[in-house]
């Protein structure tokens, strides 16, 4: 489970970096949407790690709070990017 958390957690940053050099606005949105999914997956793995005792409640709360803030940020960027994409047409 910790390896899965590492994979999905680091994928978020990698996808964000890819999005910085997206080929188009649609590509940018797509990459961030995948990062959003990876963030959601990371939250799932964190929940499992907490339930199985690999993370303390305090450790989980800190990591989970950060992950939730990150998913909110990604969602906001995606929404505003879609809005600007749709207003150009």
PDB file of N, CA and C in Angstrom:
ATOM      1  N   UNK A   1       0.810  -1.194   0.000  1.00  0.00           N
ATOM      2  CA  UNK A   1       0.000   0.000   0.000  1.00  0.00           C
ATOM      3  C   UNK A   1       0.856   1.262   0.000  1.00  0.00           C
ATOM      4  N   UNK A   2       1.946   1.236   0.726  1.00  0.00           N
ATOM      5  CA  UNK A   2       2.787   2.429   0.755  1.00  0.00           C
ATOM      6  C   UNK A   2       3.415   2.699  -0.608  1.00  0.00           C
ATOM      7  N   UNK A   3       3.732   1.637  -1.341  1.00  0.00           N
ATOM      8  CA  UNK A   3       4.288   1.822  -2.687  1.00  0.00           C
ATOM      9  C   UNK A   3       3.243   2.427  -3.626  1.00  0.00           C
ATOM     10  N   UNK A   4       1.994   1.991  -3.480  1.00  0.00           N
ATOM     11  CA  UNK A   4       0.920   2.550  -4.301  1.00  0.00           C
ATOM     12  C   UNK A   4       0.722   4.031  -3.983  1.00  0.00           C
ATOM     13  N   UNK A   5       0.811   4.354  -2.698  1.00  0.00           N
ATOM     14  CA  UNK A   5       0.673   5.749  -2.276  1.00  0.00           C
ATOM     15  C   UNK A   5       1.794   6.595  -2.867  1.00  0.00           C
ATOM     16  N   UNK A   6       2.998   6.051  -2.840  1.00  0.00           N
ATOM     17  CA  UNK A   6       4.141   6.745  -3.424  1.00  0.00           C
ATOM     18  C   UNK A   6       3.933   6.961  -4.922  1.00  0.00           C
ATOM     19  N   UNK A   7       3.479   5.933  -5.613  1.00  0.00           N
ATOM     20  CA  UNK A   7       3.270   6.048  -7.066  1.00  0.00           C
ATOM     21  C   UNK A   7       2.210   7.091  -7.415  1.00  0.00           C
ATOM     22  N   UNK A   8       1.050   6.965  -6.781  1.00  0.00           N
ATOM     23  CA  UNK A   8      -0.028   7.902  -7.115  1.00  0.00           C
ATOM     24  C   UNK A   8       0.304   9.315  -6.623  1.00  0.00           C
ATOM     25  N   UNK A   9       0.938   9.408  -5.466  1.00  0.00           N
ATOM     26  CA  UNK A   9       1.290  10.717  -4.928  1.00  0.00           C
ATOM     27  C   UNK A   9       2.304  11.460  -5.775  1.00  0.00           C
ATOM     28  N   UNK A  10       3.301  10.761  -6.259  1.00  0.00           N
ATOM     29  CA  UNK A  10       4.310  11.425  -7.094  1.00  0.00           C
ATOM     30  C   UNK A  10       3.800  11.668  -8.512  1.00  0.00           C
ATOM     31  N   UNK A  11       2.824  10.889  -8.942  1.00  0.00           N
ATOM     32  CA  UNK A  11       2.246  11.093 -10.276  1.00  0.00           C
ATOM     33  C   UNK A  11       1.562  12.455 -10.361  1.00  0.00           C
ATOM     34  N   UNK A  12       1.012  12.908  -9.246  1.00  0.00           N
ATOM     35  CA  UNK A  12       0.331  14.211  -9.238  1.00  0.00           C
ATOM     36  C   UNK A  12       1.290  15.313  -9.665  1.00  0.00           C
ATOM     37  N   UNK A  13       2.446  15.350  -9.042  1.00  0.00           N
ATOM     38  CA  UNK A  13       3.442  16.368  -9.371  1.00  0.00           C
ATOM     39  C   UNK A  13       3.961  16.230 -10.789  1.00  0.00           C
ATOM     40  N   UNK A  14       4.182  14.996 -11.212  1.00  0.00           N
ATOM     41  CA  UNK A  14       4.687  14.767 -12.567  1.00  0.00           C
ATOM     42  C   UNK A  14       3.673  15.236 -13.608  1.00  0.00           C
ATOM     43  N   UNK A  15       2.415  14.955 -13.381  1.00  0.00           N
ATOM     44  CA  UNK A  15       1.377  15.382 -14.322  1.00  0.00           C
ATOM     45  C   UNK A  15       1.231  16.895 -14.338  1.00  0.00           C
ATOM     46  N   UNK A  16       1.370  17.512 -13.182  1.00  0.00           N
ATOM     47  CA  UNK A  16       1.318  18.965 -13.123  1.00  0.00           C
ATOM     48  C   UNK A  16       2.457  19.567 -13.943  1.00  0.00           C
ATOM     49  N   UNK A  17       3.651  19.004 -13.792  1.00  0.00           N
ATOM     50  CA  UNK A  17       4.798  19.487 -14.564  1.00  0.00           C
ATOM     51  C   UNK A  17       4.579  19.289 -16.057  1.00  0.00           C
ATOM     52  N   UNK A  18       3.983  18.146 -16.435  1.00  0.00           N
ATOM     53  CA  UNK A  18       3.663  17.918 -17.846  1.00  0.00           C
ATOM     54  C   UNK A  18       2.678  18.966 -18.341  1.00  0.00           C
ATOM     55  N   UNK A  19       1.707  19.297 -17.515  1.00  0.00           N
ATOM     56  CA  UNK A  19       0.679  20.261 -17.911  1.00  0.00           C
ATOM     57  C   UNK A  19       1.272  21.641 -18.178  1.00  0.00           C
ATOM     58  N   UNK A  20       2.366  21.967 -17.506  1.00  0.00           N
ATOM     59  CA  UNK A  20       3.007  23.268 -17.717  1.00  0.00           C
ATOM     60  C   UNK A  20       3.417  23.464 -19.175  1.00  0.00           C
ATOM     61  N   UNK A  21       3.724  22.370 -19.847  1.00  0.00           N
ATOM     62  CA  UNK A  21       4.140  22.449 -21.246  1.00  0.00           C
ATOM     63  C   UNK A  21       3.161  21.728 -22.160  1.00  0.00           C
ATOM     64  N   UNK A  22       1.894  21.811 -21.809  1.00  0.00           N
ATOM     65  CA  UNK A  22       0.857  21.166 -22.607  1.00  0.00           C
ATOM     66  C   UNK A  22       0.843  21.750 -24.017  1.00  0.00           C
ATOM     67  N   UNK A  23       0.435  20.924 -24.953  1.00  0.00           N
ATOM     68  CA  UNK A  23       0.398  21.340 -26.354  1.00  0.00           C
ATOM     69  C   UNK A  23      -0.793  22.232 -26.668  1.00  0.00           C
ATOM     70  N   UNK A  24      -1.805  22.181 -25.829  1.00  0.00           N
ATOM     71  CA  UNK A  24      -3.001  23.001 -26.037  1.00  0.00           C
ATOM     72  C   UNK A  24      -3.711  23.162 -24.697  1.00  0.00           C
ATOM     73  N   UNK A  25      -4.718  24.025 -24.673  1.00  0.00           N
ATOM     74  CA  UNK A  25      -5.504  24.207 -23.459  1.00  0.00           C
ATOM     75  C   UNK A  25      -6.229  22.902 -23.105  1.00  0.00           C
ATOM     76  N   UNK A  26      -6.720  22.198 -24.112  1.00  0.00           N
ATOM     77  CA  UNK A  26      -7.399  20.916 -23.881  1.00  0.00           C
ATOM     78  C   UNK A  26      -6.428  19.886 -23.296  1.00  0.00           C
ATOM     79  N   UNK A  27      -5.203  19.870 -23.787  1.00  0.00           N
ATOM     80  CA  UNK A  27      -4.182  18.955 -23.267  1.00  0.00           C
ATOM     81  C   UNK A  27      -3.853  19.307 -21.817  1.00  0.00           C
ATOM     82  N   UNK A  28      -3.769  20.603 -21.520  1.00  0.00           N
ATOM     83  CA  UNK A  28      -3.530  21.080 -20.163  1.00  0.00           C
ATOM     84  C   UNK A  28      -4.621  20.573 -19.214  1.00  0.00           C
ATOM     85  N   UNK A  29      -5.857  20.744 -19.622  1.00  0.00           N
ATOM     86  CA  UNK A  29      -6.997  20.299 -18.811  1.00  0.00           C
ATOM     87  C   UNK A  29      -6.956  18.791 -18.619  1.00  0.00           C
ATOM     88  N   UNK A  30      -6.655  18.072 -19.670  1.00  0.00           N
ATOM     89  CA  UNK A  30      -6.598  16.612 -19.608  1.00  0.00           C
ATOM     90  C   UNK A  30      -5.533  16.139 -18.609  1.00  0.00           C
ATOM     91  N   UNK A  31      -4.372  16.722 -18.672  1.00  0.00           N
ATOM     92  CA  UNK A  31      -3.290  16.321 -17.762  1.00  0.00           C
ATOM     93  C   UNK A  31      -3.647  16.637 -16.310  1.00  0.00           C
ATOM     94  N   UNK A  32      -4.260  17.777 -16.081  1.00  0.00           N
ATOM     95  CA  UNK A  32      -4.660  18.121 -14.720  1.00  0.00           C
ATOM     96  C   UNK A  32      -5.799  17.228 -14.231  1.00  0.00           C
ATOM     97  N   UNK A  33      -6.668  16.817 -15.139  1.00  0.00           N
ATOM     98  CA  UNK A  33      -7.749  15.900 -14.757  1.00  0.00           C
ATOM     99  C   UNK A  33      -7.185  14.549 -14.330  1.00  0.00           C
ATOM    100  N   UNK A  34      -6.139  14.100 -14.998  1.00  0.00           N
ATOM    101  CA  UNK A  34      -5.488  12.850 -14.600  1.00  0.00           C
ATOM    102  C   UNK A  34      -4.811  13.041 -13.241  1.00  0.00           C
ATOM    103  N   UNK A  35      -4.190  14.197 -13.028  1.00  0.00           N
ATOM    104  CA  UNK A  35      -3.570  14.492 -11.734  1.00  0.00           C
ATOM    105  C   UNK A  35      -4.630  14.489 -10.629  1.00  0.00           C
ATOM    106  N   UNK A  36      -5.796  15.007 -10.941  1.00  0.00           N
ATOM    107  CA  UNK A  36      -6.911  15.018  -9.991  1.00  0.00           C
ATOM    108  C   UNK A  36      -7.308  13.582  -9.610  1.00  0.00           C
ATOM    109  N   UNK A  37      -7.366  12.707 -10.591  1.00  0.00           N
ATOM    110  CA  UNK A  37      -7.683  11.296 -10.335  1.00  0.00           C
ATOM    111  C   UNK A  37      -6.599  10.640  -9.483  1.00  0.00           C
ATOM    112  N   UNK A  38      -5.355  10.953  -9.773  1.00  0.00           N
ATOM    113  CA  UNK A  38      -4.247  10.397  -8.985  1.00  0.00           C
ATOM    114  C   UNK A  38      -4.309  10.890  -7.540  1.00  0.00           C
ATOM    115  N   UNK A  39      -4.711  12.127  -7.352  1.00  0.00           N
ATOM    116  CA  UNK A  39      -4.846  12.673  -6.013  1.00  0.00           C
ATOM    117  C   UNK A  39      -5.958  11.946  -5.259  1.00  0.00           C
ATOM    118  N   UNK A  40      -7.063  11.696  -5.933  1.00  0.00           N
ATOM    119  CA  UNK A  40      -8.153  10.949  -5.322  1.00  0.00           C
ATOM    120  C   UNK A  40      -7.699   9.537  -4.951  1.00  0.00           C
ATOM    121  N   UNK A  41      -6.922   8.912  -5.827  1.00  0.00           N
ATOM    122  CA  UNK A  41      -6.388   7.584  -5.533  1.00  0.00           C
ATOM    123  C   UNK A  41      -5.450   7.640  -4.317  1.00  0.00           C
ATOM    124  N   UNK A  42      -4.653   8.665  -4.240  1.00  0.00           N
ATOM    125  CA  UNK A  42      -3.747   8.823  -3.104  1.00  0.00           C
ATOM    126  C   UNK A  42      -4.530   8.911  -1.793  1.00  0.00           C
ATOM    127  N   UNK A  43      -5.621   9.650  -1.812  1.00  0.00           N
ATOM    128  CA  UNK A  43      -6.471   9.748  -0.623  1.00  0.00           C
ATOM    129  C   UNK A  43      -6.992   8.365  -0.234  1.00  0.00           C
ATOM    130  N   UNK A  44      -7.379   7.583  -1.207  1.00  0.00           N
ATOM    131  CA  UNK A  44      -7.838   6.216  -0.944  1.00  0.00           C
ATOM    132  C   UNK A  44      -6.753   5.401  -0.239  1.00  0.00           C
ATOM    133  N   UNK A  45      -5.529   5.447  -0.768  1.00  0.00           N
ATOM    134  CA  UNK A  45      -4.432   4.683  -0.168  1.00  0.00           C
ATOM    135  C   UNK A  45      -4.106   5.194   1.233  1.00  0.00           C
ATOM    136  N   UNK A  46      -4.185   6.500   1.437  1.00  0.00           N
ATOM    137  CA  UNK A  46      -3.953   7.054   2.773  1.00  0.00           C
ATOM    138  C   UNK A  46      -4.997   6.529   3.762  1.00  0.00           C
ATOM    139  N   UNK A  47      -6.242   6.464   3.313  1.00  0.00           N
ATOM    140  CA  UNK A  47      -7.300   5.929   4.179  1.00  0.00           C
ATOM    141  C   UNK A  47      -7.016   4.479   4.555  1.00  0.00           C
ATOM    142  N   UNK A  48      -6.579   3.694   3.586  1.00  0.00           N
ATOM    143  CA  UNK A  48      -6.248   2.301   3.875  1.00  0.00           C
ATOM    144  C   UNK A  48      -5.067   2.191   4.830  1.00  0.00           C
ATOM    145  N   UNK A  49      -4.060   3.009   4.633  1.00  0.00           N
ATOM    146  CA  UNK A  49      -2.896   2.993   5.519  1.00  0.00           C
ATOM    147  C   UNK A  49      -3.288   3.361   6.947  1.00  0.00           C
ATOM    148  N   UNK A  50      -4.236   4.281   7.090  1.00  0.00           N
ATOM    149  CA  UNK A  50      -4.707   4.643   8.422  1.00  0.00           C
ATOM    150  C   UNK A  50      -5.484   3.481   9.044  1.00  0.00           C
ATOM    151  N   UNK A  51      -6.378   2.903   8.276  1.00  0.00           N
ATOM    152  CA  UNK A  51      -7.221   1.821   8.790  1.00  0.00           C
ATOM    153  C   UNK A  51      -6.419   0.575   9.175  1.00  0.00           C
ATOM    154  N   UNK A  52      -5.316   0.361   8.523  1.00  0.00           N
ATOM    155  CA  UNK A  52      -4.490  -0.815   8.826  1.00  0.00           C
ATOM    156  C   UNK A  52      -3.408  -0.519   9.872  1.00  0.00           C
ATOM    157  N   UNK A  53      -3.366   0.721  10.355  1.00  0.00           N
ATOM    158  CA  UNK A  53      -2.438   1.070  11.415  1.00  0.00           C
ATOM    159  C   UNK A  53      -1.052   1.487  10.958  1.00  0.00           C
ATOM    160  N   UNK A  54      -0.837   1.611   9.647  1.00  0.00           N
ATOM    161  CA  UNK A  54       0.471   2.071   9.160  1.00  0.00           C
ATOM    162  C   UNK A  54       0.663   3.563   9.381  1.00  0.00           C
ATOM    163  N   UNK A  55      -0.444   4.289   9.445  1.00  0.00           N
ATOM    164  CA  UNK A  55      -0.392   5.719   9.756  1.00  0.00           C
ATOM    165  C   UNK A  55      -1.170   5.961  11.039  1.00  0.00           C
ATOM    166  N   UNK A  56      -0.640   6.839  11.862  1.00  0.00           N
ATOM    167  CA  UNK A  56      -1.396   7.248  13.044  1.00  0.00           C
ATOM    168  C   UNK A  56      -2.507   8.192  12.588  1.00  0.00           C
ATOM    169  N   UNK A  57      -3.442   8.432  13.465  1.00  0.00           N
ATOM    170  CA  UNK A  57      -4.524   9.364  13.145  1.00  0.00           C
ATOM    171  C   UNK A  57      -3.954  10.741  12.814  1.00  0.00           C
ATOM    172  N   UNK A  58      -2.968  11.169  13.594  1.00  0.00           N
ATOM    173  CA  UNK A  58      -2.355  12.479  13.380  1.00  0.00           C
ATOM    174  C   UNK A  58      -1.628  12.540  12.031  1.00  0.00           C
ATOM    175  N   UNK A  59      -0.873  11.502  11.690  1.00  0.00           N
ATOM    176  CA  UNK A  59      -0.182  11.460  10.399  1.00  0.00           C
ATOM    177  C   UNK A  59      -1.191  11.511   9.258  1.00  0.00           C
ATOM    178  N   UNK A  60      -2.237  10.705   9.394  1.00  0.00           N
ATOM    179  CA  UNK A  60      -3.269  10.666   8.363  1.00  0.00           C
ATOM    180  C   UNK A  60      -3.912  12.029   8.178  1.00  0.00           C
ATOM    181  N   UNK A  61      -4.284  12.668   9.295  1.00  0.00           N
ATOM    182  CA  UNK A  61      -4.968  13.956   9.211  1.00  0.00           C
ATOM    183  C   UNK A  61      -4.138  14.991   8.457  1.00  0.00           C
ATOM    184  N   UNK A  62      -2.851  15.049   8.758  1.00  0.00           N
ATOM    185  CA  UNK A  62      -1.990  16.010   8.066  1.00  0.00           C
ATOM    186  C   UNK A  62      -1.897  15.739   6.580  1.00  0.00           C
ATOM    187  N   UNK A  63      -1.640  14.496   6.232  1.00  0.00           N
ATOM    188  CA  UNK A  63      -1.508  14.131   4.810  1.00  0.00           C
ATOM    189  C   UNK A  63      -2.833  14.262   4.076  1.00  0.00           C
ATOM    190  N   UNK A  64      -3.907  13.814   4.710  1.00  0.00           N
ATOM    191  CA  UNK A  64      -5.217  13.869   4.079  1.00  0.00           C
ATOM    192  C   UNK A  64      -5.666  15.311   3.849  1.00  0.00           C
ATOM    193  N   UNK A  65      -5.416  16.170   4.828  1.00  0.00           N
ATOM    194  CA  UNK A  65      -5.764  17.586   4.680  1.00  0.00           C
ATOM    195  C   UNK A  65      -5.025  18.195   3.488  1.00  0.00           C
ATOM    196  N   UNK A  66      -3.745  17.898   3.366  1.00  0.00           N
ATOM    197  CA  UNK A  66      -2.974  18.407   2.225  1.00  0.00           C
ATOM    198  C   UNK A  66      -3.508  17.869   0.907  1.00  0.00           C
ATOM    199  N   UNK A  67      -3.843  16.583   0.874  1.00  0.00           N
ATOM    200  CA  UNK A  67      -4.343  15.972  -0.357  1.00  0.00           C
ATOM    201  C   UNK A  67      -5.697  16.570  -0.749  1.00  0.00           C
ATOM    202  N   UNK A  68      -6.547  16.803   0.234  1.00  0.00           N
ATOM    203  CA  UNK A  68      -7.857  17.411  -0.054  1.00  0.00           C
ATOM    204  C   UNK A  68      -7.680  18.833  -0.589  1.00  0.00           C
ATOM    205  N   UNK A  69      -6.780  19.595   0.007  1.00  0.00           N
ATOM    206  CA  UNK A  69      -6.517  20.947  -0.493  1.00  0.00           C
ATOM    207  C   UNK A  69      -5.982  20.906  -1.922  1.00  0.00           C
ATOM    208  N   UNK A  70      -5.126  19.939  -2.192  1.00  0.00           N
ATOM    209  CA  UNK A  70      -4.569  19.800  -3.535  1.00  0.00           C
ATOM    210  C   UNK A  70      -5.658  19.436  -4.545  1.00  0.00           C
ATOM    211  N   UNK A  71      -6.538  18.525  -4.183  1.00  0.00           N
ATOM    212  CA  UNK A  71      -7.600  18.138  -5.115  1.00  0.00           C
ATOM    213  C   UNK A  71      -8.547  19.319  -5.354  1.00  0.00           C
ATOM    214  N   UNK A  72      -8.798  20.128  -4.334  1.00  0.00           N
ATOM    215  CA  UNK A  72      -9.623  21.327  -4.503  1.00  0.00           C
ATOM    216  C   UNK A  72      -8.954  22.319  -5.443  1.00  0.00           C
ATOM    217  N   UNK A  73      -7.653  22.494  -5.285  1.00  0.00           N
ATOM    218  CA  UNK A  73      -6.898  23.404  -6.140  1.00  0.00           C
ATOM    219  C   UNK A  73      -6.931  22.931  -7.599  1.00  0.00           C
ATOM    220  N   UNK A  74      -6.673  21.645  -7.803  1.00  0.00           N
ATOM    221  CA  UNK A  74      -6.717  21.088  -9.160  1.00  0.00           C
ATOM    222  C   UNK A  74      -8.108  21.241  -9.773  1.00  0.00           C
ATOM    223  N   UNK A  75      -9.138  20.973  -8.991  1.00  0.00           N
ATOM    224  CA  UNK A  75     -10.512  21.108  -9.476  1.00  0.00           C
ATOM    225  C   UNK A  75     -10.801  22.545  -9.884  1.00  0.00           C
ATOM    226  N   UNK A  76     -10.353  23.487  -9.085  1.00  0.00           N
ATOM    227  CA  UNK A  76     -10.560  24.900  -9.402  1.00  0.00           C
ATOM    228  C   UNK A  76      -9.853  25.303 -10.693  1.00  0.00           C
ATOM    229  N   UNK A  77      -8.618  24.858 -10.851  1.00  0.00           N
ATOM    230  CA  UNK A  77      -7.862  25.177 -12.069  1.00  0.00           C
ATOM    231  C   UNK A  77      -8.546  24.564 -13.285  1.00  0.00           C
ATOM    232  N   UNK A  78      -8.999  23.327 -13.165  1.00  0.00           N
ATOM    233  CA  UNK A  78      -9.665  22.651 -14.279  1.00  0.00           C
ATOM    234  C   UNK A  78     -10.944  23.398 -14.656  1.00  0.00           C
ATOM    235  N   UNK A  79     -11.748  23.744 -13.660  1.00  0.00           N
ATOM    236  CA  UNK A  79     -13.005  24.458 -13.935  1.00  0.00           C
ATOM    237  C   UNK A  79     -12.759  25.797 -14.626  1.00  0.00           C
ATOM    238  N   UNK A  80     -11.816  26.568 -14.114  1.00  0.00           N
ATOM    239  CA  UNK A  80     -11.556  27.878 -14.721  1.00  0.00           C
ATOM    240  C   UNK A  80     -10.942  27.731 -16.108  1.00  0.00           C
ATOM    241  N   UNK A  81     -10.143  26.689 -16.315  1.00  0.00           N
ATOM    242  CA  UNK A  81      -9.553  26.453 -17.637  1.00  0.00           C
ATOM    243  C   UNK A  81     -10.624  26.038 -18.640  1.00  0.00           C
ATOM    244  N   UNK A  82     -11.552  25.209 -18.196  1.00  0.00           N
ATOM    245  CA  UNK A  82     -12.663  24.799 -19.086  1.00  0.00           C
ATOM    246  C   UNK A  82     -13.517  25.992 -19.438  1.00  0.00           C
ATOM    247  N   UNK A  83     -13.750  26.854 -18.462  1.00  0.00           N
ATOM    248  CA  UNK A  83     -14.560  28.048 -18.691  1.00  0.00           C
ATOM    249  C   UNK A  83     -13.900  28.954 -19.722  1.00  0.00           C
ATOM    250  N   UNK A  84     -12.601  29.165 -19.585  1.00  0.00           N
ATOM    251  CA  UNK A  84     -11.899  30.034 -20.542  1.00  0.00           C
ATOM    252  C   UNK A  84     -11.804  29.373 -21.916  1.00  0.00           C
ATOM    253  N   UNK A  85     -11.733  28.058 -21.940  1.00  0.00           N
ATOM    254  CA  UNK A  85     -11.689  27.325 -23.215  1.00  0.00           C
ATOM    255  C   UNK A  85     -13.026  27.470 -23.933  1.00  0.00           C
ATOM    256  N   UNK A  86     -14.125  27.373 -23.183  1.00  0.00           N
ATOM    257  CA  UNK A  86     -15.463  27.451 -23.772  1.00  0.00           C
ATOM    258  C   UNK A  86     -15.832  28.866 -24.191  1.00  0.00           C
ATOM    259  N   UNK A  87     -15.287  29.901 -23.546  1.00  0.00           N
ATOM    260  CA  UNK A  87     -15.632  31.271 -23.913  1.00  0.00           C
ATOM    261  C   UNK A  87     -14.895  31.727 -25.179  1.00  0.00           C
ATOM    262  N   UNK A  88     -13.858  30.993 -25.566  1.00  0.00           N
ATOM    263  CA  UNK A  88     -13.109  31.358 -26.765  1.00  0.00           C
ATOM    264  C   UNK A  88     -13.786  30.870 -28.037  1.00  0.00           C
ATOM    265  N   UNK A  89     -14.746  29.960 -27.891  1.00  0.00           N
ATOM    266  CA  UNK A  89     -15.415  29.402 -29.078  1.00  0.00           C
ATOM    267  C   UNK A  89     -16.725  30.066 -29.369  1.00  0.00           C
TER     268      UNK A  89
END
